Amino acid sequence: TSTVFATVIIALPSLSWAVWTDAERENLAQPERGLFVEFDFGTMIFMGNAGSNTNPGILTGMGIGYDIGQLWGQYFQVGAHFWSSTNNSSGLEYTVADGNNILVPDVQSLLMMGELKVLIPTSKRLHITGRFAGGLLTGRPQPSRVYAFNADDHIADPEGGEPSPVVGFGAGVEYYTRLRHFSIGAE
């Protein structure tokens, strides 16, 4: 029921679009450019060996950025993002030196990234996006410990390991609604 409610709330403003005349649609205010704040929801999935030790987790975060301008018909943005996620253990057991078994721990992560985002307009309000980012992934246990999990090291120092540098890229779409300061996107 909450999914249906959320869908109706998101879709409701768009329903008036069908009854507007072409002239009214043409006179809509252009999207505001400048300082912006983002709120993000998604999933965090560790790849490789860490992927076998953890399940996909829920990711939430926020970002702040600025539209730096338009060049060659594309819009450019710079920003900083802070994301947090918790990935449950996959339930794998490891045997430690004393013969006891321990479960791989749950992973709590904090991802801090700076980014450059390119928005390629396909219409006044719809853009294809490309994101290039770099930053630092830290967590409990540290990501380096998750990727190369050693049960004996984990018993000796559960919080150990070093933060990991990360780079990333992504593609998506972003739609600027008729509300001048609000857009919806997916990556």
C-alpha atoms as a PDB file:
ATOM      1  CA  THR A   1       0.000   0.000   0.000  1.00  0.00           C
ATOM      2  CA  SER A   2       2.838   2.434   0.689  1.00  0.00           C
ATOM      3  CA  THR A   3       4.247   1.749  -2.792  1.00  0.00           C
ATOM      4  CA  VAL A   4       0.891   2.595  -4.384  1.00  0.00           C
ATOM      5  CA  PHE A   5       0.626   5.756  -2.277  1.00  0.00           C
ATOM      6  CA  ALA A   6       4.153   6.861  -3.237  1.00  0.00           C
ATOM      7  CA  THR A   7       3.458   6.203  -6.921  1.00  0.00           C
ATOM      8  CA  VAL A   8       0.265   8.294  -6.809  1.00  0.00           C
ATOM      9  CA  ILE A   9       2.017  11.159  -5.013  1.00  0.00           C
ATOM     10  CA  ILE A  10       4.831  11.186  -7.579  1.00  0.00           C
ATOM     11  CA  ALA A  11       2.529  10.816 -10.603  1.00  0.00           C
ATOM     12  CA  LEU A  12      -0.208  13.232  -9.497  1.00  0.00           C
ATOM     13  CA  PRO A  13       1.522  16.459 -10.606  1.00  0.00           C
ATOM     14  CA  SER A  14       2.106  14.951 -14.060  1.00  0.00           C
ATOM     15  CA  LEU A  15      -1.582  14.263 -14.663  1.00  0.00           C
ATOM     16  CA  SER A  16      -2.318  17.949 -15.338  1.00  0.00           C
ATOM     17  CA  TRP A  17       0.141  17.848 -18.263  1.00  0.00           C
ATOM     18  CA  ALA A  18      -2.471  16.100 -20.446  1.00  0.00           C
ATOM     19  CA  VAL A  19      -4.998  18.962 -20.176  1.00  0.00           C
ATOM     20  CA  TRP A  20      -2.603  21.832 -20.892  1.00  0.00           C
ATOM     21  CA  THR A  21      -2.579  23.512 -24.278  1.00  0.00           C
ATOM     22  CA  ASP A  22       0.585  23.596 -26.391  1.00  0.00           C
ATOM     23  CA  ALA A  23       1.006  27.309 -25.607  1.00  0.00           C
ATOM     24  CA  GLU A  24       0.831  26.646 -21.850  1.00  0.00           C
ATOM     25  CA  ARG A  25       3.382  23.857 -22.122  1.00  0.00           C
ATOM     26  CA  GLU A  26       5.719  26.110 -24.127  1.00  0.00           C
ATOM     27  CA  ASN A  27       5.586  28.873 -21.478  1.00  0.00           C
ATOM     28  CA  LEU A  28       6.658  26.691 -18.555  1.00  0.00           C
ATOM     29  CA  ALA A  29       9.461  28.108 -16.481  1.00  0.00           C
ATOM     30  CA  GLN A  30      12.883  26.783 -17.344  1.00  0.00           C
ATOM     31  CA  PRO A  31      14.610  24.622 -14.720  1.00  0.00           C
ATOM     32  CA  GLU A  32      16.595  26.620 -12.197  1.00  0.00           C
ATOM     33  CA  ARG A  33      20.368  26.204 -12.401  1.00  0.00           C
ATOM     34  CA  GLY A  34      22.829  26.935  -9.600  1.00  0.00           C
ATOM     35  CA  LEU A  35      23.252  25.518  -6.111  1.00  0.00           C
ATOM     36  CA  PHE A  36      21.371  22.244  -5.454  1.00  0.00           C
ATOM     37  CA  VAL A  37      20.930  19.489  -2.875  1.00  0.00           C
ATOM     38  CA  GLU A  38      20.322  15.827  -3.742  1.00  0.00           C
ATOM     39  CA  PHE A  39      18.886  12.956  -1.742  1.00  0.00           C
ATOM     40  CA  ASP A  40      19.770   9.455  -2.900  1.00  0.00           C
ATOM     41  CA  PHE A  41      18.350   5.992  -2.282  1.00  0.00           C
ATOM     42  CA  GLY A  42      19.592   2.739  -3.747  1.00  0.00           C
ATOM     43  CA  THR A  43      21.618  -0.367  -3.085  1.00  0.00           C
ATOM     44  CA  MET A  44      25.281  -1.024  -2.444  1.00  0.00           C
ATOM     45  CA  ILE A  45      26.768  -4.225  -3.778  1.00  0.00           C
ATOM     46  CA  PHE A  46      30.331  -5.320  -3.116  1.00  0.00           C
ATOM     47  CA  MET A  47      31.967  -7.096  -6.053  1.00  0.00           C
ATOM     48  CA  GLY A  48      34.542  -9.886  -6.139  1.00  0.00           C
ATOM     49  CA  ASN A  49      35.515 -11.693  -2.942  1.00  0.00           C
ATOM     50  CA  ALA A  50      33.681  -9.156  -0.788  1.00  0.00           C
ATOM     51  CA  GLY A  51      30.524  -9.901  -2.771  1.00  0.00           C
ATOM     52  CA  SER A  52      30.638 -13.507  -1.636  1.00  0.00           C
ATOM     53  CA  ASN A  53      30.976 -12.342   1.999  1.00  0.00           C
ATOM     54  CA  THR A  54      28.083  -9.840   1.989  1.00  0.00           C
ATOM     55  CA  ASN A  55      24.566  -9.398   0.652  1.00  0.00           C
ATOM     56  CA  PRO A  56      23.399  -6.271  -1.222  1.00  0.00           C
ATOM     57  CA  GLY A  57      22.654  -3.472   1.229  1.00  0.00           C
ATOM     58  CA  ILE A  58      20.434  -0.409   1.378  1.00  0.00           C
ATOM     59  CA  LEU A  59      22.211   2.837   0.487  1.00  0.00           C
ATOM     60  CA  THR A  60      21.016   6.310   1.482  1.00  0.00           C
ATOM     61  CA  GLY A  61      22.781   9.581   1.134  1.00  0.00           C
ATOM     62  CA  MET A  62      22.816  13.210   0.219  1.00  0.00           C
ATOM     63  CA  GLY A  63      24.850  15.531  -1.889  1.00  0.00           C
ATOM     64  CA  ILE A  64      25.395  19.180  -2.559  1.00  0.00           C
ATOM     65  CA  GLY A  65      26.488  20.640  -5.850  1.00  0.00           C
ATOM     66  CA  TYR A  66      26.537  23.517  -8.261  1.00  0.00           C
ATOM     67  CA  ASP A  67      25.698  23.872 -11.953  1.00  0.00           C
ATOM     68  CA  ILE A  68      28.933  25.282 -13.363  1.00  0.00           C
ATOM     69  CA  GLY A  69      27.546  26.078 -16.787  1.00  0.00           C
ATOM     70  CA  GLN A  70      26.881  24.958 -20.312  1.00  0.00           C
ATOM     71  CA  LEU A  71      29.492  24.005 -22.903  1.00  0.00           C
ATOM     72  CA  TRP A  72      28.908  22.440 -26.349  1.00  0.00           C
ATOM     73  CA  GLY A  73      25.198  22.089 -25.543  1.00  0.00           C
ATOM     74  CA  GLN A  74      25.856  20.034 -22.376  1.00  0.00           C
ATOM     75  CA  TYR A  75      25.348  21.149 -18.781  1.00  0.00           C
ATOM     76  CA  PHE A  76      28.089  20.479 -16.228  1.00  0.00           C
ATOM     77  CA  GLN A  77      27.768  20.089 -12.453  1.00  0.00           C
ATOM     78  CA  VAL A  78      30.277  19.586  -9.658  1.00  0.00           C
ATOM     79  CA  GLY A  79      29.313  18.125  -6.329  1.00  0.00           C
ATOM     80  CA  ALA A  80      30.123  16.203  -3.174  1.00  0.00           C
ATOM     81  CA  HIS A  81      28.172  13.176  -1.985  1.00  0.00           C
ATOM     82  CA  PHE A  82      27.988  11.279   1.285  1.00  0.00           C
ATOM     83  CA  TRP A  83      26.406   7.825   1.173  1.00  0.00           C
ATOM     84  CA  SER A  84      25.896   5.285   3.943  1.00  0.00           C
ATOM     85  CA  SER A  85      24.955   1.626   3.667  1.00  0.00           C
ATOM     86  CA  THR A  86      24.706  -1.530   5.714  1.00  0.00           C
ATOM     87  CA  ASN A  87      25.345  -4.872   4.049  1.00  0.00           C
ATOM     88  CA  ASN A  88      24.328  -7.972   5.976  1.00  0.00           C
ATOM     89  CA  SER A  89      26.723 -10.884   6.236  1.00  0.00           C
ATOM     90  CA  SER A  90      26.246 -13.659   3.712  1.00  0.00           C
ATOM     91  CA  GLY A  91      26.304 -16.152   6.600  1.00  0.00           C
ATOM     92  CA  LEU A  92      29.641 -17.674   5.594  1.00  0.00           C
ATOM     93  CA  GLU A  93      31.572 -19.226   8.461  1.00  0.00           C
ATOM     94  CA  TYR A  94      35.335 -19.215   8.779  1.00  0.00           C
ATOM     95  CA  THR A  95      37.413 -21.356  11.108  1.00  0.00           C
ATOM     96  CA  VAL A  96      39.898 -19.460  13.242  1.00  0.00           C
ATOM     97  CA  ALA A  97      43.230 -20.727  14.646  1.00  0.00           C
ATOM     98  CA  ASP A  98      41.666 -22.018  17.896  1.00  0.00           C
ATOM     99  CA  GLY A  99      39.251 -24.208  15.885  1.00  0.00           C
ATOM    100  CA  ASN A 100      36.115 -22.130  16.511  1.00  0.00           C
ATOM    101  CA  ASN A 101      33.940 -20.859  13.670  1.00  0.00           C
ATOM    102  CA  ILE A 102      32.967 -17.209  13.219  1.00  0.00           C
ATOM    103  CA  LEU A 103      30.497 -15.606  10.831  1.00  0.00           C
ATOM    104  CA  VAL A 104      31.589 -12.954   8.376  1.00  0.00           C
ATOM    105  CA  PRO A 105      30.476  -9.664  10.018  1.00  0.00           C
ATOM    106  CA  ASP A 106      27.887  -7.231   8.699  1.00  0.00           C
ATOM    107  CA  VAL A 107      29.493  -4.277   6.928  1.00  0.00           C
ATOM    108  CA  GLN A 108      28.631  -0.641   7.656  1.00  0.00           C
ATOM    109  CA  SER A 109      30.020   1.686   4.990  1.00  0.00           C
ATOM    110  CA  LEU A 110      30.428   5.405   4.482  1.00  0.00           C
ATOM    111  CA  LEU A 111      31.286   6.597   0.983  1.00  0.00           C
ATOM    112  CA  MET A 112      32.474  10.190   0.461  1.00  0.00           C
ATOM    113  CA  MET A 113      32.939  11.300  -3.148  1.00  0.00           C
ATOM    114  CA  GLY A 114      33.548  14.370  -5.263  1.00  0.00           C
ATOM    115  CA  GLU A 115      32.066  14.293  -8.739  1.00  0.00           C
ATOM    116  CA  LEU A 116      31.699  15.868 -12.150  1.00  0.00           C
ATOM    117  CA  LYS A 117      28.319  15.285 -13.778  1.00  0.00           C
ATOM    118  CA  VAL A 118      27.474  15.884 -17.434  1.00  0.00           C
ATOM    119  CA  LEU A 119      23.834  16.408 -18.445  1.00  0.00           C
ATOM    120  CA  ILE A 120      22.996  15.935 -22.127  1.00  0.00           C
ATOM    121  CA  PRO A 121      19.592  17.491 -22.894  1.00  0.00           C
ATOM    122  CA  THR A 122      17.182  15.385 -24.944  1.00  0.00           C
ATOM    123  CA  SER A 123      14.363  17.913 -24.417  1.00  0.00           C
ATOM    124  CA  LYS A 124      13.730  20.979 -22.236  1.00  0.00           C
ATOM    125  CA  ARG A 125      13.299  18.859 -19.133  1.00  0.00           C
ATOM    126  CA  LEU A 126      14.777  15.418 -19.819  1.00  0.00           C
ATOM    127  CA  HIS A 127      18.533  14.834 -19.682  1.00  0.00           C
ATOM    128  CA  ILE A 128      20.809  11.838 -20.083  1.00  0.00           C
ATOM    129  CA  THR A 129      23.505  11.994 -17.404  1.00  0.00           C
ATOM    130  CA  GLY A 130      27.053  10.796 -16.977  1.00  0.00           C
ATOM    131  CA  ARG A 131      28.793  10.869 -13.607  1.00  0.00           C
ATOM    132  CA  PHE A 132      32.527  10.603 -12.930  1.00  0.00           C
ATOM    133  CA  ALA A 133      33.523  10.432  -9.256  1.00  0.00           C
ATOM    134  CA  GLY A 134      36.352   9.697  -6.869  1.00  0.00           C
ATOM    135  CA  GLY A 135      36.631   9.511  -3.116  1.00  0.00           C
ATOM    136  CA  LEU A 136      37.068   7.356  -0.064  1.00  0.00           C
ATOM    137  CA  LEU A 137      35.199   4.303   1.233  1.00  0.00           C
ATOM    138  CA  THR A 138      35.463   3.668   4.949  1.00  0.00           C
ATOM    139  CA  GLY A 139      33.531   1.319   7.154  1.00  0.00           C
ATOM    140  CA  ARG A 140      33.208  -1.100   9.992  1.00  0.00           C
ATOM    141  CA  PRO A 141      35.036  -3.368   9.365  1.00  0.00           C
ATOM    142  CA  GLN A 142      37.153  -1.430   6.882  1.00  0.00           C
ATOM    143  CA  PRO A 143      36.571  -2.302   3.209  1.00  0.00           C
ATOM    144  CA  SER A 144      40.106  -3.636   2.807  1.00  0.00           C
ATOM    145  CA  ARG A 145      39.266  -6.170   5.524  1.00  0.00           C
ATOM    146  CA  VAL A 146      36.046  -7.187   3.742  1.00  0.00           C
ATOM    147  CA  TYR A 147      37.748  -7.745   0.381  1.00  0.00           C
ATOM    148  CA  ALA A 148      40.504  -9.901   1.863  1.00  0.00           C
ATOM    149  CA  PHE A 149      38.675 -11.385   4.858  1.00  0.00           C
ATOM    150  CA  ASN A 150      40.854 -13.262   7.324  1.00  0.00           C
ATOM    151  CA  ALA A 151      39.034 -14.647  10.362  1.00  0.00           C
ATOM    152  CA  ASP A 152      42.107 -14.592  12.635  1.00  0.00           C
ATOM    153  CA  ASP A 153      42.831 -10.932  11.789  1.00  0.00           C
ATOM    154  CA  HIS A 154      39.182 -10.071  12.425  1.00  0.00           C
ATOM    155  CA  ILE A 155      39.218 -11.713  15.865  1.00  0.00           C
ATOM    156  CA  ALA A 156      42.437  -9.862  16.797  1.00  0.00           C
ATOM    157  CA  ASP A 157      41.272  -6.452  15.533  1.00  0.00           C
ATOM    158  CA  PRO A 158      37.566  -6.266  14.521  1.00  0.00           C
ATOM    159  CA  GLU A 159      37.798  -2.617  13.439  1.00  0.00           C
ATOM    160  CA  GLY A 160      41.100  -2.981  11.577  1.00  0.00           C
ATOM    161  CA  GLY A 161      41.979  -2.279   7.984  1.00  0.00           C
ATOM    162  CA  GLU A 162      42.410   0.884   6.003  1.00  0.00           C
ATOM    163  CA  PRO A 163      39.904   3.096   4.180  1.00  0.00           C
ATOM    164  CA  SER A 164      39.895   2.399   0.451  1.00  0.00           C
ATOM    165  CA  PRO A 165      40.165   4.957  -2.366  1.00  0.00           C
ATOM    166  CA  VAL A 166      37.416   4.509  -4.959  1.00  0.00           C
ATOM    167  CA  VAL A 167      36.632   5.812  -8.420  1.00  0.00           C
ATOM    168  CA  GLY A 168      33.354   5.396 -10.197  1.00  0.00           C
ATOM    169  CA  PHE A 169      31.215   6.318 -13.126  1.00  0.00           C
ATOM    170  CA  GLY A 170      27.557   5.983 -13.942  1.00  0.00           C
ATOM    171  CA  ALA A 171      24.910   6.837 -16.475  1.00  0.00           C
ATOM    172  CA  GLY A 172      21.286   7.741 -15.972  1.00  0.00           C
ATOM    173  CA  VAL A 173      18.397  10.023 -16.749  1.00  0.00           C
ATOM    174  CA  GLU A 174      17.150  13.123 -14.981  1.00  0.00           C
ATOM    175  CA  TYR A 175      13.771  14.795 -15.435  1.00  0.00           C
ATOM    176  CA  TYR A 176      13.234  18.389 -14.327  1.00  0.00           C
ATOM    177  CA  THR A 177       9.612  18.653 -13.189  1.00  0.00           C
ATOM    178  CA  ARG A 178       7.430  21.701 -13.666  1.00  0.00           C
ATOM    179  CA  LEU A 179       8.425  22.652 -10.139  1.00  0.00           C
ATOM    180  CA  ARG A 180      11.401  24.882 -10.933  1.00  0.00           C
ATOM    181  CA  HIS A 181      13.580  23.517  -8.143  1.00  0.00           C
ATOM    182  CA  PHE A 182      12.806  19.792  -8.309  1.00  0.00           C
ATOM    183  CA  SER A 183      14.059  16.953 -10.488  1.00  0.00           C
ATOM    184  CA  ILE A 184      13.813  13.171 -10.389  1.00  0.00           C
ATOM    185  CA  GLY A 185      16.561  10.908 -11.678  1.00  0.00           C
ATOM    186  CA  ALA A 186      17.694   7.313 -11.898  1.00  0.00           C
ATOM    187  CA  GLU A 187      21.192   5.929 -12.383  1.00  0.00           C
END
